[in-house]
Amino acid sequence: MLIPLLPGDIAPGSPVLAELAELYAGNAAFHRLSGEFGPEPESVSPTEVAGALTEELATPGVGVFLARVPGSGGPTRRDEGDAVRGDAGAPLAGVVALLEAHPVDGFPWIGLLMVDARRTGRGLGRAVAEEVHDRLRRAGRPGVRLAVLVNNPAALAFWTRLGYTEVDRRPDLQAGRDCIVMHRDL
């Protein structure tokens, strides 16, 4: 289940921020490839994670979503609109950043899909990606794009298995890293 990340979720001392920091630290291998969070990304601090997610949330058209393991119980909570956020207390399985429309091509883009590294190889990443695809289909979107770092063959293989194909190669807009742009029709 994808639950929108709220600004209060990344406030200092928030239990959600602590979960996110653990998730990010557990994905140190990815952060080494991306160059994010310095030479020791396994020691990423909650403050650094909050900074990165605050930047994402401040970007127009970007939504950040918590992926929770459904049906595992835990309390519900209410969001800023007073809607019940079911499974909000379920274990954090991952995080997704989704750009509504890329400024160049108009497609929605998955800017980040990171799952709990302790759960890789169990279909969790696929399940989260399929939930994103379903969400975009319901919104009438014909396709989705993302960029994979050229130096990340495991991610390239993952997205290829999910039906994505290469459409371009270019540096990313944020850090100029060499990327493979991939597309999937929905």
C-alpha atoms as a PDB file:
ATOM      1  CA  MET A   1       0.000   0.000   0.000  1.00  0.00           C
ATOM      2  CA  LEU A   2       1.335   3.402  -0.977  1.00  0.00           C
ATOM      3  CA  ILE A   3       0.731   6.109   1.582  1.00  0.00           C
ATOM      4  CA  PRO A   4       1.582   9.757   0.825  1.00  0.00           C
ATOM      5  CA  LEU A   5       4.517  11.073   2.824  1.00  0.00           C
ATOM      6  CA  LEU A   6       3.527  14.152   4.800  1.00  0.00           C
ATOM      7  CA  PRO A   7       5.886  16.913   5.966  1.00  0.00           C
ATOM      8  CA  GLY A   8       5.279  15.887   9.591  1.00  0.00           C
ATOM      9  CA  ASP A   9       6.561  12.401   8.769  1.00  0.00           C
ATOM     10  CA  ILE A  10      10.059  13.784   8.326  1.00  0.00           C
ATOM     11  CA  ALA A  11      10.075  16.124  11.310  1.00  0.00           C
ATOM     12  CA  PRO A  12      12.946  15.630  13.779  1.00  0.00           C
ATOM     13  CA  GLY A  13      12.164  12.756  16.126  1.00  0.00           C
ATOM     14  CA  SER A  14       9.393  11.337  13.933  1.00  0.00           C
ATOM     15  CA  PRO A  15       9.168   7.529  14.070  1.00  0.00           C
ATOM     16  CA  VAL A  16       8.569   7.553  10.295  1.00  0.00           C
ATOM     17  CA  LEU A  17      11.811   9.472   9.785  1.00  0.00           C
ATOM     18  CA  ALA A  18      13.638   6.879  11.891  1.00  0.00           C
ATOM     19  CA  GLU A  19      12.200   4.122   9.671  1.00  0.00           C
ATOM     20  CA  LEU A  20      13.206   6.013   6.536  1.00  0.00           C
ATOM     21  CA  ALA A  21      16.750   6.562   7.814  1.00  0.00           C
ATOM     22  CA  GLU A  22      17.052   2.831   8.469  1.00  0.00           C
ATOM     23  CA  LEU A  23      15.727   2.085   4.969  1.00  0.00           C
ATOM     24  CA  TYR A  24      18.205   4.494   3.359  1.00  0.00           C
ATOM     25  CA  ALA A  25      21.147   3.196   5.423  1.00  0.00           C
ATOM     26  CA  GLY A  26      20.231  -0.360   4.429  1.00  0.00           C
ATOM     27  CA  ASN A  27      20.585   0.623   0.764  1.00  0.00           C
ATOM     28  CA  ALA A  28      24.159   1.859   1.095  1.00  0.00           C
ATOM     29  CA  ALA A  29      25.246  -0.020  -2.055  1.00  0.00           C
ATOM     30  CA  PHE A  30      22.833   2.037  -4.167  1.00  0.00           C
ATOM     31  CA  HIS A  31      23.897   5.275  -2.527  1.00  0.00           C
ATOM     32  CA  ARG A  32      27.545   4.455  -3.240  1.00  0.00           C
ATOM     33  CA  LEU A  33      26.664   4.048  -6.937  1.00  0.00           C
ATOM     34  CA  SER A  34      24.705   7.305  -6.964  1.00  0.00           C
ATOM     35  CA  GLY A  35      27.268   9.256  -4.954  1.00  0.00           C
ATOM     36  CA  GLU A  36      24.617  10.359  -2.476  1.00  0.00           C
ATOM     37  CA  PHE A  37      25.225  10.688   1.252  1.00  0.00           C
ATOM     38  CA  GLY A  38      29.016  10.788   1.125  1.00  0.00           C
ATOM     39  CA  PRO A  39      31.612   8.046   1.500  1.00  0.00           C
ATOM     40  CA  GLU A  40      29.747   6.179   4.266  1.00  0.00           C
ATOM     41  CA  PRO A  41      26.088   6.014   3.194  1.00  0.00           C
ATOM     42  CA  GLU A  42      25.410   3.188   5.648  1.00  0.00           C
ATOM     43  CA  SER A  43      25.728   5.909   8.300  1.00  0.00           C
ATOM     44  CA  VAL A  44      23.232   8.284   6.690  1.00  0.00           C
ATOM     45  CA  SER A  45      21.554  10.347   9.393  1.00  0.00           C
ATOM     46  CA  PRO A  46      17.854  11.045   9.805  1.00  0.00           C
ATOM     47  CA  THR A  47      18.676  14.727   9.183  1.00  0.00           C
ATOM     48  CA  GLU A  48      20.245  13.881   5.801  1.00  0.00           C
ATOM     49  CA  VAL A  49      17.275  11.709   4.822  1.00  0.00           C
ATOM     50  CA  ALA A  50      14.848  14.439   5.902  1.00  0.00           C
ATOM     51  CA  GLY A  51      16.802  16.947   3.797  1.00  0.00           C
ATOM     52  CA  ALA A  52      16.634  14.751   0.689  1.00  0.00           C
ATOM     53  CA  LEU A  53      12.919  14.063   1.129  1.00  0.00           C
ATOM     54  CA  THR A  54      12.129  17.704   1.930  1.00  0.00           C
ATOM     55  CA  GLU A  55      13.764  18.615  -1.374  1.00  0.00           C
ATOM     56  CA  GLU A  56      11.637  16.015  -3.188  1.00  0.00           C
ATOM     57  CA  LEU A  57       8.426  17.239  -1.543  1.00  0.00           C
ATOM     58  CA  ALA A  58       9.272  20.853  -2.428  1.00  0.00           C
ATOM     59  CA  THR A  59       9.556  20.001  -6.130  1.00  0.00           C
ATOM     60  CA  PRO A  60       6.344  20.913  -7.956  1.00  0.00           C
ATOM     61  CA  GLY A  61       4.510  17.832  -9.204  1.00  0.00           C
ATOM     62  CA  VAL A  62       6.455  15.348  -7.061  1.00  0.00           C
ATOM     63  CA  GLY A  63       4.733  12.997  -4.653  1.00  0.00           C
ATOM     64  CA  VAL A  64       6.614  10.794  -2.223  1.00  0.00           C
ATOM     65  CA  PHE A  65       4.943   7.629  -1.000  1.00  0.00           C
ATOM     66  CA  LEU A  66       5.687   5.187   1.768  1.00  0.00           C
ATOM     67  CA  ALA A  67       5.284   1.549   0.769  1.00  0.00           C
ATOM     68  CA  ARG A  68       3.903  -0.367   3.728  1.00  0.00           C
ATOM     69  CA  VAL A  69       3.454  -4.132   3.965  1.00  0.00           C
ATOM     70  CA  PRO A  70      -0.336  -4.467   3.764  1.00  0.00           C
ATOM     71  CA  GLY A  71      -2.346  -6.436   6.262  1.00  0.00           C
ATOM     72  CA  SER A  72       0.345  -6.581   8.907  1.00  0.00           C
ATOM     73  CA  GLY A  73      -1.707  -4.592  11.337  1.00  0.00           C
ATOM     74  CA  GLY A  74      -0.586  -1.619  13.299  1.00  0.00           C
ATOM     75  CA  PRO A  75      -2.558   1.492  14.098  1.00  0.00           C
ATOM     76  CA  THR A  76      -4.063   3.765  11.522  1.00  0.00           C
ATOM     77  CA  ARG A  77      -3.541   7.482  11.626  1.00  0.00           C
ATOM     78  CA  ARG A  78      -5.146  10.474  10.035  1.00  0.00           C
ATOM     79  CA  ASP A  79      -3.494  12.622   7.389  1.00  0.00           C
ATOM     80  CA  GLU A  80      -3.651  16.393   7.160  1.00  0.00           C
ATOM     81  CA  GLY A  81      -7.047  16.119   5.403  1.00  0.00           C
ATOM     82  CA  ASP A  82      -8.313  13.954   8.291  1.00  0.00           C
ATOM     83  CA  ALA A  83      -8.582  10.881   6.075  1.00  0.00           C
ATOM     84  CA  VAL A  84      -7.670   7.578   7.668  1.00  0.00           C
ATOM     85  CA  ARG A  85      -4.288   6.314   6.522  1.00  0.00           C
ATOM     86  CA  GLY A  86      -4.768   2.555   6.761  1.00  0.00           C
ATOM     87  CA  ASP A  87      -1.814   0.279   7.512  1.00  0.00           C
ATOM     88  CA  ALA A  88       0.156   3.376   8.538  1.00  0.00           C
ATOM     89  CA  GLY A  89       1.670   1.376  11.379  1.00  0.00           C
ATOM     90  CA  ALA A  90       2.623  -1.566   9.170  1.00  0.00           C
ATOM     91  CA  PRO A  91       6.331  -2.149   8.552  1.00  0.00           C
ATOM     92  CA  LEU A  92       7.998   0.199   6.079  1.00  0.00           C
ATOM     93  CA  ALA A  93       8.838  -1.778   2.955  1.00  0.00           C
ATOM     94  CA  GLY A  94      10.042   1.031   0.720  1.00  0.00           C
ATOM     95  CA  VAL A  95       9.691   4.551  -0.590  1.00  0.00           C
ATOM     96  CA  VAL A  96       8.692   5.896  -4.006  1.00  0.00           C
ATOM     97  CA  ALA A  97       9.112   9.377  -5.512  1.00  0.00           C
ATOM     98  CA  LEU A  98       6.831  10.012  -8.451  1.00  0.00           C
ATOM     99  CA  LEU A  99       6.989  13.026 -10.767  1.00  0.00           C
ATOM    100  CA  GLU A 100       3.558  13.794 -12.218  1.00  0.00           C
ATOM    101  CA  ALA A 101       4.875  15.127 -15.543  1.00  0.00           C
ATOM    102  CA  HIS A 102       8.491  15.491 -16.676  1.00  0.00           C
ATOM    103  CA  PRO A 103       9.197  19.025 -17.981  1.00  0.00           C
ATOM    104  CA  VAL A 104      10.726  17.679 -21.215  1.00  0.00           C
ATOM    105  CA  ASP A 105       8.459  14.790 -22.278  1.00  0.00           C
ATOM    106  CA  GLY A 106       5.287  15.188 -20.183  1.00  0.00           C
ATOM    107  CA  PHE A 107       5.362  11.574 -18.965  1.00  0.00           C
ATOM    108  CA  PRO A 108       5.152  10.662 -15.293  1.00  0.00           C
ATOM    109  CA  TRP A 109       8.533   9.536 -13.992  1.00  0.00           C
ATOM    110  CA  ILE A 110       9.494   7.241 -11.153  1.00  0.00           C
ATOM    111  CA  GLY A 111      12.294   9.270  -9.597  1.00  0.00           C
ATOM    112  CA  LEU A 112      13.063   6.732  -6.886  1.00  0.00           C
ATOM    113  CA  LEU A 113      11.845   3.308  -5.931  1.00  0.00           C
ATOM    114  CA  MET A 114      13.774   1.921  -2.991  1.00  0.00           C
ATOM    115  CA  VAL A 115      12.754  -1.136  -1.003  1.00  0.00           C
ATOM    116  CA  ASP A 116      14.035  -2.622   2.214  1.00  0.00           C
ATOM    117  CA  ALA A 117      17.337  -4.238   1.177  1.00  0.00           C
ATOM    118  CA  ARG A 118      16.683  -7.102   3.611  1.00  0.00           C
ATOM    119  CA  ARG A 119      13.640  -8.044   1.511  1.00  0.00           C
ATOM    120  CA  THR A 120      15.100  -7.936  -1.994  1.00  0.00           C
ATOM    121  CA  GLY A 121      14.484 -10.918  -4.229  1.00  0.00           C
ATOM    122  CA  ARG A 122      11.035 -11.598  -2.762  1.00  0.00           C
ATOM    123  CA  GLY A 123       8.900  -9.667  -5.239  1.00  0.00           C
ATOM    124  CA  LEU A 124       8.501  -6.580  -3.072  1.00  0.00           C
ATOM    125  CA  GLY A 125      10.032  -4.177  -5.610  1.00  0.00           C
ATOM    126  CA  ARG A 126       7.831  -5.647  -8.351  1.00  0.00           C
ATOM    127  CA  ALA A 127       4.719  -5.299  -6.166  1.00  0.00           C
ATOM    128  CA  VAL A 128       5.497  -1.664  -5.372  1.00  0.00           C
ATOM    129  CA  ALA A 129       6.216  -0.892  -9.048  1.00  0.00           C
ATOM    130  CA  GLU A 130       2.959  -2.551 -10.112  1.00  0.00           C
ATOM    131  CA  GLU A 131       1.048  -0.479  -7.574  1.00  0.00           C
ATOM    132  CA  VAL A 132       2.613   2.651  -9.104  1.00  0.00           C
ATOM    133  CA  HIS A 133       1.652   1.408 -12.584  1.00  0.00           C
ATOM    134  CA  ASP A 134      -1.937   0.768 -11.451  1.00  0.00           C
ATOM    135  CA  ARG A 135      -2.146   4.244  -9.912  1.00  0.00           C
ATOM    136  CA  LEU A 136      -0.938   5.831 -13.169  1.00  0.00           C
ATOM    137  CA  ARG A 137      -3.303   3.703 -15.297  1.00  0.00           C
ATOM    138  CA  ARG A 138      -6.271   4.798 -13.166  1.00  0.00           C
ATOM    139  CA  ALA A 139      -5.159   8.400 -13.763  1.00  0.00           C
ATOM    140  CA  GLY A 140      -5.314   7.754 -17.525  1.00  0.00           C
ATOM    141  CA  ARG A 141      -1.567   7.944 -18.108  1.00  0.00           C
ATOM    142  CA  PRO A 142      -0.414   6.020 -21.216  1.00  0.00           C
ATOM    143  CA  GLY A 143       3.147   5.337 -20.053  1.00  0.00           C
ATOM    144  CA  VAL A 144       5.795   5.946 -17.423  1.00  0.00           C
ATOM    145  CA  ARG A 145       9.518   6.664 -17.521  1.00  0.00           C
ATOM    146  CA  LEU A 146      12.499   6.480 -15.226  1.00  0.00           C
ATOM    147  CA  ALA A 147      16.251   6.766 -15.366  1.00  0.00           C
ATOM    148  CA  VAL A 148      18.681   4.058 -14.315  1.00  0.00           C
ATOM    149  CA  LEU A 149      22.283   4.895 -13.514  1.00  0.00           C
ATOM    150  CA  VAL A 150      24.540   3.374 -16.180  1.00  0.00           C
ATOM    151  CA  ASN A 151      26.694   1.920 -13.393  1.00  0.00           C
ATOM    152  CA  ASN A 152      23.738   0.000 -11.885  1.00  0.00           C
ATOM    153  CA  PRO A 153      23.247  -3.196 -13.935  1.00  0.00           C
ATOM    154  CA  ALA A 154      21.060  -4.796 -11.242  1.00  0.00           C
ATOM    155  CA  ALA A 155      18.530  -1.963 -11.505  1.00  0.00           C
ATOM    156  CA  LEU A 156      18.651  -2.113 -15.300  1.00  0.00           C
ATOM    157  CA  ALA A 157      17.881  -5.848 -15.176  1.00  0.00           C
ATOM    158  CA  PHE A 158      15.032  -5.283 -12.683  1.00  0.00           C
ATOM    159  CA  TRP A 159      13.286  -2.627 -14.772  1.00  0.00           C
ATOM    160  CA  THR A 160      13.826  -4.607 -17.986  1.00  0.00           C
ATOM    161  CA  ARG A 161      12.079  -7.621 -16.376  1.00  0.00           C
ATOM    162  CA  LEU A 162       9.150  -5.301 -15.635  1.00  0.00           C
ATOM    163  CA  GLY A 163       8.798  -4.419 -19.332  1.00  0.00           C
ATOM    164  CA  TYR A 164      10.762  -1.175 -19.506  1.00  0.00           C
ATOM    165  CA  THR A 165      12.846  -0.483 -22.599  1.00  0.00           C
ATOM    166  CA  GLU A 166      15.660   1.948 -23.217  1.00  0.00           C
ATOM    167  CA  VAL A 167      14.618   5.105 -25.068  1.00  0.00           C
ATOM    168  CA  ASP A 168      17.598   7.408 -24.450  1.00  0.00           C
ATOM    169  CA  ARG A 169      20.895   7.902 -22.657  1.00  0.00           C
ATOM    170  CA  ARG A 170      21.683  11.222 -21.038  1.00  0.00           C
ATOM    171  CA  PRO A 171      22.920  12.779 -17.802  1.00  0.00           C
ATOM    172  CA  ASP A 172      20.360  13.242 -15.069  1.00  0.00           C
ATOM    173  CA  LEU A 173      19.120  16.768 -14.377  1.00  0.00           C
ATOM    174  CA  GLN A 174      20.214  16.872 -10.738  1.00  0.00           C
ATOM    175  CA  ALA A 175      23.792  15.630 -10.680  1.00  0.00           C
ATOM    176  CA  GLY A 176      24.801  15.036 -14.296  1.00  0.00           C
ATOM    177  CA  ARG A 177      25.247  11.272 -13.749  1.00  0.00           C
ATOM    178  CA  ASP A 178      25.150   9.033 -16.847  1.00  0.00           C
ATOM    179  CA  CYS A 179      21.703   7.433 -17.073  1.00  0.00           C
ATOM    180  CA  ILE A 180      19.656   5.131 -19.231  1.00  0.00           C
ATOM    181  CA  VAL A 181      16.160   6.534 -19.768  1.00  0.00           C
ATOM    182  CA  MET A 182      13.570   3.756 -19.831  1.00  0.00           C
ATOM    183  CA  HIS A 183       9.893   3.717 -20.821  1.00  0.00           C
ATOM    184  CA  ARG A 184       6.993   1.371 -20.254  1.00  0.00           C
ATOM    185  CA  ASP A 185       3.578   1.626 -21.836  1.00  0.00           C
ATOM    186  CA  LEU A 186       0.722   1.273 -19.379  1.00  0.00           C
END
